[in-house]
Every structure is written in C-alpha cells, then in structure tokens.
C-alpha cells in the first residue's frame, strides 16, 4: 500500500508546477493592446498562442506542451469574448480560459483568466 501511494504521488507530481484556478497575470492590458496595434507581439491576437506564451512564461507549462483551441463564447453579462484552449502537459490535461480585456474581435488581445485541470 505504501509503494502504491508513493507511485501515485510521483505520477501527479509533473502537474503540480502548473498554476491552477484564477491565474490573472498582472499585466497592463491597455499598453499591451497599444503595442499590438503598432505591430508588436502578434501572438496576442491568437488565444492558442497567448495560452502557450503566457502559460510557458508565467503558469508552469512547458514549450513542449500541446495547446489546441476548443472554442469561443461571449459572456453576455460582461460583453467580453472568451476562448477555451485545451492543453496537454505531461500526463495531465488542462482547460485554459482566456478573454479579451480591451477590445473585442479579431484586433483585440487575449489574456489568460483561469486554468482548470481536467483529469485527476
């Protein structure tokens, strides 16, 4: 029984470095939007690439992880566009939720809001 517990803990360990829950990274979204409007960081206009870049730099994901778009939706209470991105990190699957904090539509930047582990 003791060996099984150690094995299970070691199996979960690769996922412990990924931050989960509400993971708002402190960023100046107005300045980022202005920079993107001038042609900088075009990856900010793509929710998958934003999940990859912000996730790798700030949330514990790895450059080798797989990120794929699940879909989009509009939160009618806030009026903000949201995107859902799936990620595979080691043996774990995560759902990354993003939103457009400044401008809605194809010229608006994306920001990571929440990370949820899908498998236990």
PDB file of N, CA and C in Angstrom:
ATOM      1  N   UNK A   1       0.824  -1.193   0.000  1.00  0.00           N
ATOM      2  CA  UNK A   1       0.000   0.000   0.000  1.00  0.00           C
ATOM      3  C   UNK A   1       0.870   1.260   0.000  1.00  0.00           C
ATOM      4  N   UNK A   2       1.929   1.290   0.780  1.00  0.00           N
ATOM      5  CA  UNK A   2       2.813   2.441   0.841  1.00  0.00           C
ATOM      6  C   UNK A   2       3.476   2.726  -0.493  1.00  0.00           C
ATOM      7  N   UNK A   3       3.909   1.675  -1.209  1.00  0.00           N
ATOM      8  CA  UNK A   3       4.547   1.869  -2.508  1.00  0.00           C
ATOM      9  C   UNK A   3       3.563   2.434  -3.522  1.00  0.00           C
ATOM     10  N   UNK A   4       2.308   1.993  -3.469  1.00  0.00           N
ATOM     11  CA  UNK A   4       1.311   2.494  -4.397  1.00  0.00           C
ATOM     12  C   UNK A   4       1.105   3.996  -4.173  1.00  0.00           C
ATOM     13  N   UNK A   5       1.033   4.437  -2.925  1.00  0.00           N
ATOM     14  CA  UNK A   5       0.837   5.849  -2.624  1.00  0.00           C
ATOM     15  C   UNK A   5       2.001   6.683  -3.170  1.00  0.00           C
ATOM     16  N   UNK A   6       3.225   6.233  -2.978  1.00  0.00           N
ATOM     17  CA  UNK A   6       4.393   6.951  -3.493  1.00  0.00           C
ATOM     18  C   UNK A   6       4.316   7.020  -5.004  1.00  0.00           C
ATOM     19  N   UNK A   7       3.969   5.924  -5.668  1.00  0.00           N
ATOM     20  CA  UNK A   7       3.856   5.912  -7.116  1.00  0.00           C
ATOM     21  C   UNK A   7       2.802   6.913  -7.586  1.00  0.00           C
ATOM     22  N   UNK A   8       1.623   6.930  -6.934  1.00  0.00           N
ATOM     23  CA  UNK A   8       0.561   7.848  -7.322  1.00  0.00           C
ATOM     24  C   UNK A   8       0.993   9.298  -7.127  1.00  0.00           C
ATOM     25  N   UNK A   9       1.706   9.599  -6.037  1.00  0.00           N
ATOM     26  CA  UNK A   9       2.171  10.958  -5.801  1.00  0.00           C
ATOM     27  C   UNK A   9       3.193  11.358  -6.854  1.00  0.00           C
ATOM     28  N   UNK A  10       4.087  10.453  -7.220  1.00  0.00           N
ATOM     29  CA  UNK A  10       5.073  10.754  -8.253  1.00  0.00           C
ATOM     30  C   UNK A  10       4.396  10.949  -9.607  1.00  0.00           C
ATOM     31  N   UNK A  11       3.314  10.225  -9.861  1.00  0.00           N
ATOM     32  CA  UNK A  11       2.597  10.341 -11.126  1.00  0.00           C
ATOM     33  C   UNK A  11       1.947  11.713 -11.242  1.00  0.00           C
ATOM     34  N   UNK A  12       1.431  12.244 -10.137  1.00  0.00           N
ATOM     35  CA  UNK A  12       0.786  13.551 -10.148  1.00  0.00           C
ATOM     36  C   UNK A  12       1.804  14.691 -10.119  1.00  0.00           C
ATOM     37  N   UNK A  13       2.989  14.439  -9.667  1.00  0.00           N
ATOM     38  CA  UNK A  13       3.986  15.472  -9.474  1.00  0.00           C
ATOM     39  C   UNK A  13       4.248  16.329 -10.715  1.00  0.00           C
ATOM     40  N   UNK A  14       4.305  15.792 -11.938  1.00  0.00           N
ATOM     41  CA  UNK A  14       4.596  16.651 -13.089  1.00  0.00           C
ATOM     42  C   UNK A  14       3.583  17.789 -13.278  1.00  0.00           C
ATOM     43  N   UNK A  15       2.387  17.642 -12.729  1.00  0.00           N
ATOM     44  CA  UNK A  15       1.357  18.672 -12.922  1.00  0.00           C
ATOM     45  C   UNK A  15       1.364  19.728 -11.828  1.00  0.00           C
ATOM     46  N   UNK A  16       2.055  19.485 -10.745  1.00  0.00           N
ATOM     47  CA  UNK A  16       1.985  20.402  -9.606  1.00  0.00           C
ATOM     48  C   UNK A  16       2.613  21.758  -9.907  1.00  0.00           C
ATOM     49  N   UNK A  17       3.464  21.855 -10.896  1.00  0.00           N
ATOM     50  CA  UNK A  17       4.087  23.141 -11.214  1.00  0.00           C
ATOM     51  C   UNK A  17       3.168  24.070 -12.004  1.00  0.00           C
ATOM     52  N   UNK A  18       2.076  23.551 -12.528  1.00  0.00           N
ATOM     53  CA  UNK A  18       1.142  24.373 -13.286  1.00  0.00           C
ATOM     54  C   UNK A  18       0.187  25.068 -12.311  1.00  0.00           C
ATOM     55  N   UNK A  19       0.135  26.399 -12.395  1.00  0.00           N
ATOM     56  CA  UNK A  19      -0.772  27.171 -11.547  1.00  0.00           C
ATOM     57  C   UNK A  19      -2.194  26.934 -12.025  1.00  0.00           C
ATOM     58  N   UNK A  20      -3.087  26.751 -11.057  1.00  0.00           N
ATOM     59  CA  UNK A  20      -4.474  26.461 -11.387  1.00  0.00           C
ATOM     60  C   UNK A  20      -5.398  27.446 -10.686  1.00  0.00           C
ATOM     61  N   UNK A  21      -6.642  27.477 -11.154  1.00  0.00           N
ATOM     62  CA  UNK A  21      -7.624  28.400 -10.610  1.00  0.00           C
ATOM     63  C   UNK A  21      -7.567  29.725 -11.350  1.00  0.00           C
ATOM     64  N   UNK A  22      -8.024  30.780 -10.673  1.00  0.00           N
ATOM     65  CA  UNK A  22      -7.968  32.129 -11.258  1.00  0.00           C
ATOM     66  C   UNK A  22      -6.516  32.558 -11.253  1.00  0.00           C
ATOM     67  N   UNK A  23      -5.935  32.720 -12.427  1.00  0.00           N
ATOM     68  CA  UNK A  23      -4.490  32.945 -12.548  1.00  0.00           C
ATOM     69  C   UNK A  23      -4.170  34.249 -13.259  1.00  0.00           C
ATOM     70  N   UNK A  24      -4.942  35.269 -12.989  1.00  0.00           N
ATOM     71  CA  UNK A  24      -4.718  36.550 -13.661  1.00  0.00           C
ATOM     72  C   UNK A  24      -3.272  36.996 -13.452  1.00  0.00           C
ATOM     73  N   UNK A  25      -2.539  37.079 -14.542  1.00  0.00           N
ATOM     74  CA  UNK A  25      -1.155  37.548 -14.518  1.00  0.00           C
ATOM     75  C   UNK A  25      -1.213  39.075 -14.523  1.00  0.00           C
ATOM     76  N   UNK A  26      -0.507  39.739 -13.598  1.00  0.00           N
ATOM     77  CA  UNK A  26      -0.567  41.204 -13.589  1.00  0.00           C
ATOM     78  C   UNK A  26       0.077  41.794 -14.848  1.00  0.00           C
ATOM     79  N   UNK A  27      -0.765  42.310 -15.722  1.00  0.00           N
ATOM     80  CA  UNK A  27      -0.305  42.877 -16.978  1.00  0.00           C
ATOM     81  C   UNK A  27      -1.066  44.176 -17.239  1.00  0.00           C
ATOM     82  N   UNK A  28      -0.448  45.108 -17.923  1.00  0.00           N
ATOM     83  CA  UNK A  28      -1.084  46.357 -18.328  1.00  0.00           C
ATOM     84  C   UNK A  28      -1.704  46.125 -19.705  1.00  0.00           C
ATOM     85  N   UNK A  29      -2.974  45.748 -19.708  1.00  0.00           N
ATOM     86  CA  UNK A  29      -3.621  45.350 -20.954  1.00  0.00           C
ATOM     87  C   UNK A  29      -3.754  46.501 -21.947  1.00  0.00           C
ATOM     88  N   UNK A  30      -3.940  47.713 -21.461  1.00  0.00           N
ATOM     89  CA  UNK A  30      -4.029  48.864 -22.376  1.00  0.00           C
ATOM     90  C   UNK A  30      -2.709  49.031 -23.130  1.00  0.00           C
ATOM     91  N   UNK A  31      -1.589  48.977 -22.397  1.00  0.00           N
ATOM     92  CA  UNK A  31      -0.270  49.114 -23.046  1.00  0.00           C
ATOM     93  C   UNK A  31       0.003  47.960 -23.996  1.00  0.00           C
ATOM     94  N   UNK A  32      -0.383  46.746 -23.590  1.00  0.00           N
ATOM     95  CA  UNK A  32      -0.180  45.589 -24.463  1.00  0.00           C
ATOM     96  C   UNK A  32      -1.001  45.751 -25.734  1.00  0.00           C
ATOM     97  N   UNK A  33      -2.266  46.194 -25.608  1.00  0.00           N
ATOM     98  CA  UNK A  33      -3.118  46.395 -26.784  1.00  0.00           C
ATOM     99  C   UNK A  33      -2.510  47.443 -27.706  1.00  0.00           C
ATOM    100  N   UNK A  34      -2.007  48.526 -27.127  1.00  0.00           N
ATOM    101  CA  UNK A  34      -1.387  49.579 -27.942  1.00  0.00           C
ATOM    102  C   UNK A  34      -0.151  49.049 -28.670  1.00  0.00           C
ATOM    103  N   UNK A  35       0.655  48.246 -27.997  1.00  0.00           N
ATOM    104  CA  UNK A  35       1.848  47.669 -28.613  1.00  0.00           C
ATOM    105  C   UNK A  35       1.471  46.739 -29.769  1.00  0.00           C
ATOM    106  N   UNK A  36       0.443  45.933 -29.552  1.00  0.00           N
ATOM    107  CA  UNK A  36      -0.030  45.031 -30.608  1.00  0.00           C
ATOM    108  C   UNK A  36      -0.583  45.844 -31.779  1.00  0.00           C
ATOM    109  N   UNK A  37      -1.292  46.931 -31.488  1.00  0.00           N
ATOM    110  CA  UNK A  37      -1.818  47.791 -32.557  1.00  0.00           C
ATOM    111  C   UNK A  37      -0.698  48.345 -33.435  1.00  0.00           C
ATOM    112  N   UNK A  38       0.493  48.508 -32.843  1.00  0.00           N
ATOM    113  CA  UNK A  38       1.653  49.012 -33.595  1.00  0.00           C
ATOM    114  C   UNK A  38       2.442  47.890 -34.289  1.00  0.00           C
ATOM    115  N   UNK A  39       1.958  46.651 -34.145  1.00  0.00           N
ATOM    116  CA  UNK A  39       2.599  45.531 -34.829  1.00  0.00           C
ATOM    117  C   UNK A  39       3.422  44.612 -33.937  1.00  0.00           C
ATOM    118  N   UNK A  40       3.526  44.907 -32.656  1.00  0.00           N
ATOM    119  CA  UNK A  40       4.305  44.063 -31.752  1.00  0.00           C
ATOM    120  C   UNK A  40       3.501  42.884 -31.219  1.00  0.00           C
ATOM    121  N   UNK A  41       4.205  41.830 -30.870  1.00  0.00           N
ATOM    122  CA  UNK A  41       3.605  40.625 -30.272  1.00  0.00           C
ATOM    123  C   UNK A  41       2.291  40.195 -30.936  1.00  0.00           C
ATOM    124  N   UNK A  42       2.305  39.879 -32.229  1.00  0.00           N
ATOM    125  CA  UNK A  42       1.071  39.477 -32.902  1.00  0.00           C
ATOM    126  C   UNK A  42       0.443  38.208 -32.321  1.00  0.00           C
ATOM    127  N   UNK A  43       1.218  37.427 -31.576  1.00  0.00           N
ATOM    128  CA  UNK A  43       0.679  36.219 -30.943  1.00  0.00           C
ATOM    129  C   UNK A  43      -0.438  36.553 -29.960  1.00  0.00           C
ATOM    130  N   UNK A  44      -0.485  37.782 -29.460  1.00  0.00           N
ATOM    131  CA  UNK A  44      -1.534  38.194 -28.513  1.00  0.00           C
ATOM    132  C   UNK A  44      -2.918  38.212 -29.147  1.00  0.00           C
ATOM    133  N   UNK A  45      -2.988  38.192 -30.472  1.00  0.00           N
ATOM    134  CA  UNK A  45      -4.279  38.194 -31.171  1.00  0.00           C
ATOM    135  C   UNK A  45      -4.828  36.790 -31.364  1.00  0.00           C
ATOM    136  N   UNK A  46      -4.083  35.783 -30.950  1.00  0.00           N
ATOM    137  CA  UNK A  46      -4.468  34.377 -31.106  1.00  0.00           C
ATOM    138  C   UNK A  46      -4.563  33.747 -29.716  1.00  0.00           C
ATOM    139  N   UNK A  47      -5.735  33.250 -29.329  1.00  0.00           N
ATOM    140  CA  UNK A  47      -5.868  32.704 -27.975  1.00  0.00           C
ATOM    141  C   UNK A  47      -4.986  31.481 -27.712  1.00  0.00           C
ATOM    142  N   UNK A  48      -4.764  30.660 -28.718  1.00  0.00           N
ATOM    143  CA  UNK A  48      -3.908  29.480 -28.523  1.00  0.00           C
ATOM    144  C   UNK A  48      -2.468  29.915 -28.272  1.00  0.00           C
ATOM    145  N   UNK A  49      -1.987  30.850 -29.075  1.00  0.00           N
ATOM    146  CA  UNK A  49      -0.609  31.320 -28.894  1.00  0.00           C
ATOM    147  C   UNK A  49      -0.455  32.108 -27.595  1.00  0.00           C
ATOM    148  N   UNK A  50      -1.490  32.845 -27.204  1.00  0.00           N
ATOM    149  CA  UNK A  50      -1.436  33.548 -25.917  1.00  0.00           C
ATOM    150  C   UNK A  50      -1.383  32.547 -24.775  1.00  0.00           C
ATOM    151  N   UNK A  51      -2.205  31.502 -24.844  1.00  0.00           N
ATOM    152  CA  UNK A  51      -2.165  30.461 -23.803  1.00  0.00           C
ATOM    153  C   UNK A  51      -0.774  29.830 -23.743  1.00  0.00           C
ATOM    154  N   UNK A  52      -0.184  29.565 -24.901  1.00  0.00           N
ATOM    155  CA  UNK A  52       1.138  28.952 -24.962  1.00  0.00           C
ATOM    156  C   UNK A  52       2.207  29.889 -24.374  1.00  0.00           C
ATOM    157  N   UNK A  53       2.227  31.125 -24.816  1.00  0.00           N
ATOM    158  CA  UNK A  53       3.280  32.062 -24.399  1.00  0.00           C
ATOM    159  C   UNK A  53       3.142  32.458 -22.927  1.00  0.00           C
ATOM    160  N   UNK A  54       1.941  32.849 -22.515  1.00  0.00           N
ATOM    161  CA  UNK A  54       1.726  33.242 -21.119  1.00  0.00           C
ATOM    162  C   UNK A  54       1.838  32.023 -20.215  1.00  0.00           C
ATOM    163  N   UNK A  55       1.304  30.897 -20.671  1.00  0.00           N
ATOM    164  CA  UNK A  55       1.377  29.668 -19.875  1.00  0.00           C
ATOM    165  C   UNK A  55       2.801  29.201 -19.641  1.00  0.00           C
ATOM    166  N   UNK A  56       3.638  29.308 -20.664  1.00  0.00           N
ATOM    167  CA  UNK A  56       5.039  28.899 -20.548  1.00  0.00           C
ATOM    168  C   UNK A  56       5.827  29.892 -19.689  1.00  0.00           C
ATOM    169  N   UNK A  57       5.579  31.179 -19.868  1.00  0.00           N
ATOM    170  CA  UNK A  57       6.347  32.207 -19.149  1.00  0.00           C
ATOM    171  C   UNK A  57       5.920  32.370 -17.692  1.00  0.00           C
ATOM    172  N   UNK A  58       4.628  32.142 -17.394  1.00  0.00           N
ATOM    173  CA  UNK A  58       4.127  32.510 -16.069  1.00  0.00           C
ATOM    174  C   UNK A  58       3.366  31.435 -15.308  1.00  0.00           C
ATOM    175  N   UNK A  59       2.921  30.377 -15.974  1.00  0.00           N
ATOM    176  CA  UNK A  59       1.994  29.457 -15.319  1.00  0.00           C
ATOM    177  C   UNK A  59       2.510  28.034 -15.156  1.00  0.00           C
ATOM    178  N   UNK A  60       3.744  27.763 -15.551  1.00  0.00           N
ATOM    179  CA  UNK A  60       4.322  26.448 -15.331  1.00  0.00           C
ATOM    180  C   UNK A  60       4.192  25.463 -16.470  1.00  0.00           C
ATOM    181  N   UNK A  61       3.608  25.888 -17.588  1.00  0.00           N
ATOM    182  CA  UNK A  61       3.542  24.999 -18.744  1.00  0.00           C
ATOM    183  C   UNK A  61       4.917  24.926 -19.404  1.00  0.00           C
ATOM    184  N   UNK A  62       5.090  23.935 -20.259  1.00  0.00           N
ATOM    185  CA  UNK A  62       6.359  23.700 -20.943  1.00  0.00           C
ATOM    186  C   UNK A  62       6.217  24.029 -22.431  1.00  0.00           C
ATOM    187  N   UNK A  63       7.290  24.458 -23.082  1.00  0.00           N
ATOM    188  CA  UNK A  63       7.232  24.700 -24.529  1.00  0.00           C
ATOM    189  C   UNK A  63       6.859  23.438 -25.325  1.00  0.00           C
ATOM    190  N   UNK A  64       7.056  22.275 -24.747  1.00  0.00           N
ATOM    191  CA  UNK A  64       6.725  21.013 -25.428  1.00  0.00           C
ATOM    192  C   UNK A  64       5.238  20.650 -25.299  1.00  0.00           C
ATOM    193  N   UNK A  65       4.502  21.351 -24.440  1.00  0.00           N
ATOM    194  CA  UNK A  65       3.090  21.038 -24.237  1.00  0.00           C
ATOM    195  C   UNK A  65       2.279  21.317 -25.495  1.00  0.00           C
ATOM    196  N   UNK A  66       1.153  20.636 -25.593  1.00  0.00           N
ATOM    197  CA  UNK A  66       0.255  20.781 -26.745  1.00  0.00           C
ATOM    198  C   UNK A  66      -0.894  21.695 -26.351  1.00  0.00           C
ATOM    199  N   UNK A  67      -1.183  22.684 -27.197  1.00  0.00           N
ATOM    200  CA  UNK A  67      -2.274  23.627 -26.970  1.00  0.00           C
ATOM    201  C   UNK A  67      -3.192  23.617 -28.188  1.00  0.00           C
ATOM    202  N   UNK A  68      -4.503  23.427 -27.971  1.00  0.00           N
ATOM    203  CA  UNK A  68      -5.460  23.395 -29.079  1.00  0.00           C
ATOM    204  C   UNK A  68      -6.721  24.173 -28.699  1.00  0.00           C
ATOM    205  N   UNK A  69      -7.284  24.847 -29.674  1.00  0.00           N
ATOM    206  CA  UNK A  69      -8.500  25.629 -29.458  1.00  0.00           C
ATOM    207  C   UNK A  69      -9.700  24.706 -29.310  1.00  0.00           C
ATOM    208  N   UNK A  70     -10.470  24.912 -28.250  1.00  0.00           N
ATOM    209  CA  UNK A  70     -11.721  24.183 -28.057  1.00  0.00           C
ATOM    210  C   UNK A  70     -12.883  24.987 -28.629  1.00  0.00           C
ATOM    211  N   UNK A  71     -12.877  26.318 -28.414  1.00  0.00           N
ATOM    212  CA  UNK A  71     -13.968  27.132 -28.942  1.00  0.00           C
ATOM    213  C   UNK A  71     -14.013  28.516 -28.315  1.00  0.00           C
ATOM    214  N   UNK A  72     -15.024  29.274 -28.758  1.00  0.00           N
ATOM    215  CA  UNK A  72     -15.240  30.642 -28.303  1.00  0.00           C
ATOM    216  C   UNK A  72     -16.636  30.774 -27.720  1.00  0.00           C
ATOM    217  N   UNK A  73     -16.830  31.783 -26.867  1.00  0.00           N
ATOM    218  CA  UNK A  73     -18.171  32.159 -26.431  1.00  0.00           C
ATOM    219  C   UNK A  73     -18.140  33.611 -25.964  1.00  0.00           C
ATOM    220  N   UNK A  74     -19.315  34.220 -25.891  1.00  0.00           N
ATOM    221  CA  UNK A  74     -19.452  35.588 -25.396  1.00  0.00           C
ATOM    222  C   UNK A  74     -20.145  35.522 -24.042  1.00  0.00           C
ATOM    223  N   UNK A  75     -19.575  36.195 -23.060  1.00  0.00           N
ATOM    224  CA  UNK A  75     -20.221  36.344 -21.752  1.00  0.00           C
ATOM    225  C   UNK A  75     -21.141  37.549 -21.880  1.00  0.00           C
ATOM    226  N   UNK A  76     -22.440  37.295 -21.953  1.00  0.00           N
ATOM    227  CA  UNK A  76     -23.380  38.379 -22.220  1.00  0.00           C
ATOM    228  C   UNK A  76     -23.519  39.335 -21.040  1.00  0.00           C
ATOM    229  N   UNK A  77     -23.167  38.913 -19.830  1.00  0.00           N
ATOM    230  CA  UNK A  77     -23.192  39.828 -18.685  1.00  0.00           C
ATOM    231  C   UNK A  77     -22.105  40.893 -18.808  1.00  0.00           C
ATOM    232  N   UNK A  78     -20.894  40.478 -19.200  1.00  0.00           N
ATOM    233  CA  UNK A  78     -19.780  41.422 -19.302  1.00  0.00           C
ATOM    234  C   UNK A  78     -19.591  41.951 -20.724  1.00  0.00           C
ATOM    235  N   UNK A  79     -20.118  41.224 -21.720  1.00  0.00           N
ATOM    236  CA  UNK A  79     -19.924  41.608 -23.111  1.00  0.00           C
ATOM    237  C   UNK A  79     -18.574  41.200 -23.669  1.00  0.00           C
ATOM    238  N   UNK A  80     -17.796  40.429 -22.890  1.00  0.00           N
ATOM    239  CA  UNK A  80     -16.445  40.058 -23.303  1.00  0.00           C
ATOM    240  C   UNK A  80     -16.424  38.729 -24.055  1.00  0.00           C
ATOM    241  N   UNK A  81     -15.581  38.677 -25.091  1.00  0.00           N
ATOM    242  CA  UNK A  81     -15.323  37.425 -25.792  1.00  0.00           C
ATOM    243  C   UNK A  81     -14.406  36.556 -24.934  1.00  0.00           C
ATOM    244  N   UNK A  82     -14.665  35.260 -24.961  1.00  0.00           N
ATOM    245  CA  UNK A  82     -13.846  34.283 -24.246  1.00  0.00           C
ATOM    246  C   UNK A  82     -13.427  33.192 -25.222  1.00  0.00           C
ATOM    247  N   UNK A  83     -12.313  32.562 -24.909  1.00  0.00           N
ATOM    248  CA  UNK A  83     -11.838  31.417 -25.688  1.00  0.00           C
ATOM    249  C   UNK A  83     -11.449  30.317 -24.711  1.00  0.00           C
ATOM    250  N   UNK A  84     -11.633  29.082 -25.140  1.00  0.00           N
ATOM    251  CA  UNK A  84     -11.253  27.914 -24.353  1.00  0.00           C
ATOM    252  C   UNK A  84     -10.164  27.171 -25.111  1.00  0.00           C
ATOM    253  N   UNK A  85      -9.056  26.916 -24.422  1.00  0.00           N
ATOM    254  CA  UNK A  85      -7.918  26.228 -25.025  1.00  0.00           C
ATOM    255  C   UNK A  85      -7.593  25.011 -24.178  1.00  0.00           C
ATOM    256  N   UNK A  86      -7.487  23.868 -24.820  1.00  0.00           N
ATOM    257  CA  UNK A  86      -7.066  22.640 -24.141  1.00  0.00           C
ATOM    258  C   UNK A  86      -5.553  22.544 -24.196  1.00  0.00           C
ATOM    259  N   UNK A  87      -4.958  22.009 -23.126  1.00  0.00           N
ATOM    260  CA  UNK A  87      -3.513  21.786 -23.110  1.00  0.00           C
ATOM    261  C   UNK A  87      -3.225  20.415 -22.522  1.00  0.00           C
ATOM    262  N   UNK A  88      -2.224  19.771 -23.087  1.00  0.00           N
ATOM    263  CA  UNK A  88      -1.716  18.511 -22.544  1.00  0.00           C
ATOM    264  C   UNK A  88      -0.324  18.797 -22.009  1.00  0.00           C
ATOM    265  N   UNK A  89      -0.159  18.562 -20.704  1.00  0.00           N
ATOM    266  CA  UNK A  89       1.108  18.805 -20.008  1.00  0.00           C
ATOM    267  C   UNK A  89       1.465  17.523 -19.278  1.00  0.00           C
ATOM    268  N   UNK A  90       2.527  16.841 -19.743  1.00  0.00           N
ATOM    269  CA  UNK A  90       2.914  15.530 -19.184  1.00  0.00           C
ATOM    270  C   UNK A  90       1.682  14.629 -19.213  1.00  0.00           C
ATOM    271  N   UNK A  91       1.314  13.984 -18.094  1.00  0.00           N
ATOM    272  CA  UNK A  91       0.133  13.115 -18.159  1.00  0.00           C
ATOM    273  C   UNK A  91      -1.166  13.865 -17.894  1.00  0.00           C
ATOM    274  N   UNK A  92      -1.121  15.183 -17.770  1.00  0.00           N
ATOM    275  CA  UNK A  92      -2.290  15.946 -17.355  1.00  0.00           C
ATOM    276  C   UNK A  92      -2.897  16.736 -18.502  1.00  0.00           C
ATOM    277  N   UNK A  93      -4.223  16.908 -18.412  1.00  0.00           N
ATOM    278  CA  UNK A  93      -4.961  17.728 -19.362  1.00  0.00           C
ATOM    279  C   UNK A  93      -5.523  18.938 -18.619  1.00  0.00           C
ATOM    280  N   UNK A  94      -5.431  20.101 -19.250  1.00  0.00           N
ATOM    281  CA  UNK A  94      -5.915  21.336 -18.640  1.00  0.00           C
ATOM    282  C   UNK A  94      -6.821  22.079 -19.612  1.00  0.00           C
ATOM    283  N   UNK A  95      -7.753  22.844 -19.048  1.00  0.00           N
ATOM    284  CA  UNK A  95      -8.560  23.785 -19.800  1.00  0.00           C
ATOM    285  C   UNK A  95      -8.085  25.181 -19.407  1.00  0.00           C
ATOM    286  N   UNK A  96      -7.694  25.982 -20.401  1.00  0.00           N
ATOM    287  CA  UNK A  96      -7.233  27.339 -20.171  1.00  0.00           C
ATOM    288  C   UNK A  96      -8.310  28.277 -20.713  1.00  0.00           C
ATOM    289  N   UNK A  97      -8.815  29.151 -19.842  1.00  0.00           N
ATOM    290  CA  UNK A  97      -9.849  30.100 -20.226  1.00  0.00           C
ATOM    291  C   UNK A  97      -9.213  31.476 -20.423  1.00  0.00           C
ATOM    292  N   UNK A  98      -9.501  32.079 -21.559  1.00  0.00           N
ATOM    293  CA  UNK A  98      -8.977  33.398 -21.889  1.00  0.00           C
ATOM    294  C   UNK A  98     -10.122  34.345 -22.187  1.00  0.00           C
ATOM    295  N   UNK A  99      -9.832  35.646 -22.154  1.00  0.00           N
ATOM    296  CA  UNK A  99     -10.822  36.653 -22.513  1.00  0.00           C
ATOM    297  C   UNK A  99     -10.122  37.826 -23.185  1.00  0.00           C
ATOM    298  N   UNK A 100     -10.914  38.669 -23.821  1.00  0.00           N
ATOM    299  CA  UNK A 100     -10.385  39.866 -24.471  1.00  0.00           C
ATOM    300  C   UNK A 100     -10.675  41.068 -23.560  1.00  0.00           C
ATOM    301  N   UNK A 101      -9.663  41.554 -22.833  1.00  0.00           N
ATOM    302  CA  UNK A 101      -9.895  42.579 -21.817  1.00  0.00           C
ATOM    303  C   UNK A 101     -10.068  44.008 -22.333  1.00  0.00           C
ATOM    304  N   UNK A 102      -9.603  44.309 -23.548  1.00  0.00           N
ATOM    305  CA  UNK A 102      -9.601  45.695 -24.029  1.00  0.00           C
ATOM    306  C   UNK A 102     -10.553  45.885 -25.197  1.00  0.00           C
ATOM    307  N   UNK A 103     -10.362  45.121 -26.248  1.00  0.00           N
ATOM    308  CA  UNK A 103     -11.129  45.266 -27.478  1.00  0.00           C
ATOM    309  C   UNK A 103     -11.649  43.886 -27.867  1.00  0.00           C
ATOM    310  N   UNK A 104     -12.894  43.856 -28.334  1.00  0.00           N
ATOM    311  CA  UNK A 104     -13.500  42.595 -28.746  1.00  0.00           C
ATOM    312  C   UNK A 104     -13.297  42.399 -30.241  1.00  0.00           C
ATOM    313  N   UNK A 105     -13.099  41.160 -30.649  1.00  0.00           N
ATOM    314  CA  UNK A 105     -12.977  40.867 -32.074  1.00  0.00           C
ATOM    315  C   UNK A 105     -11.558  40.544 -32.492  1.00  0.00           C
ATOM    316  N   UNK A 106     -11.328  40.456 -33.799  1.00  0.00           N
ATOM    317  CA  UNK A 106     -10.047  39.967 -34.320  1.00  0.00           C
ATOM    318  C   UNK A 106      -8.844  40.861 -34.007  1.00  0.00           C
ATOM    319  N   UNK A 107      -9.034  42.118 -33.662  1.00  0.00           N
ATOM    320  CA  UNK A 107      -7.912  43.004 -33.349  1.00  0.00           C
ATOM    321  C   UNK A 107      -7.715  43.185 -31.845  1.00  0.00           C
ATOM    322  N   UNK A 108      -8.454  42.408 -31.037  1.00  0.00           N
ATOM    323  CA  UNK A 108      -8.326  42.503 -29.584  1.00  0.00           C
ATOM    324  C   UNK A 108      -7.357  41.466 -29.036  1.00  0.00           C
ATOM    325  N   UNK A 109      -6.577  41.874 -28.034  1.00  0.00           N
ATOM    326  CA  UNK A 109      -5.628  40.940 -27.407  1.00  0.00           C
ATOM    327  C   UNK A 109      -6.377  39.951 -26.524  1.00  0.00           C
ATOM    328  N   UNK A 110      -5.715  38.850 -26.223  1.00  0.00           N
ATOM    329  CA  UNK A 110      -6.236  37.825 -25.333  1.00  0.00           C
ATOM    330  C   UNK A 110      -5.430  37.804 -24.044  1.00  0.00           C
ATOM    331  N   UNK A 111      -6.101  37.454 -22.942  1.00  0.00           N
ATOM    332  CA  UNK A 111      -5.462  37.339 -21.636  1.00  0.00           C
ATOM    333  C   UNK A 111      -5.944  36.061 -20.966  1.00  0.00           C
ATOM    334  N   UNK A 112      -5.057  35.384 -20.267  1.00  0.00           N
ATOM    335  CA  UNK A 112      -5.421  34.151 -19.548  1.00  0.00           C
ATOM    336  C   UNK A 112      -6.134  34.539 -18.254  1.00  0.00           C
ATOM    337  N   UNK A 113      -7.248  33.858 -18.005  1.00  0.00           N
ATOM    338  CA  UNK A 113      -8.049  34.135 -16.807  1.00  0.00           C
ATOM    339  C   UNK A 113      -8.032  32.977 -15.810  1.00  0.00           C
ATOM    340  N   UNK A 114      -8.149  31.744 -16.310  1.00  0.00           N
ATOM    341  CA  UNK A 114      -8.303  30.594 -15.421  1.00  0.00           C
ATOM    342  C   UNK A 114      -7.695  29.357 -16.045  1.00  0.00           C
ATOM    343  N   UNK A 115      -7.132  28.487 -15.191  1.00  0.00           N
ATOM    344  CA  UNK A 115      -6.601  27.190 -15.613  1.00  0.00           C
ATOM    345  C   UNK A 115      -7.251  26.122 -14.742  1.00  0.00           C
ATOM    346  N   UNK A 116      -7.828  25.106 -15.377  1.00  0.00           N
ATOM    347  CA  UNK A 116      -8.500  24.026 -14.663  1.00  0.00           C
ATOM    348  C   UNK A 116      -7.944  22.685 -15.132  1.00  0.00           C
ATOM    349  N   UNK A 117      -7.533  21.871 -14.190  1.00  0.00           N
ATOM    350  CA  UNK A 117      -7.084  20.516 -14.539  1.00  0.00           C
ATOM    351  C   UNK A 117      -8.306  19.661 -14.815  1.00  0.00           C
ATOM    352  N   UNK A 118      -8.299  18.926 -15.918  1.00  0.00           N
ATOM    353  CA  UNK A 118      -9.446  18.132 -16.333  1.00  0.00           C
ATOM    354  C   UNK A 118      -9.393  16.680 -15.874  1.00  0.00           C
ATOM    355  N   UNK A 119      -8.209  16.135 -15.701  1.00  0.00           N
ATOM    356  CA  UNK A 119      -8.100  14.744 -15.249  1.00  0.00           C
ATOM    357  C   UNK A 119      -7.415  14.721 -13.884  1.00  0.00           C
ATOM    358  N   UNK A 120      -7.756  13.757 -13.092  1.00  0.00           N
ATOM    359  CA  UNK A 120      -7.171  13.644 -11.733  1.00  0.00           C
ATOM    360  C   UNK A 120      -6.391  12.387 -11.631  1.00  0.00           C
TER     361      UNK A 120
END
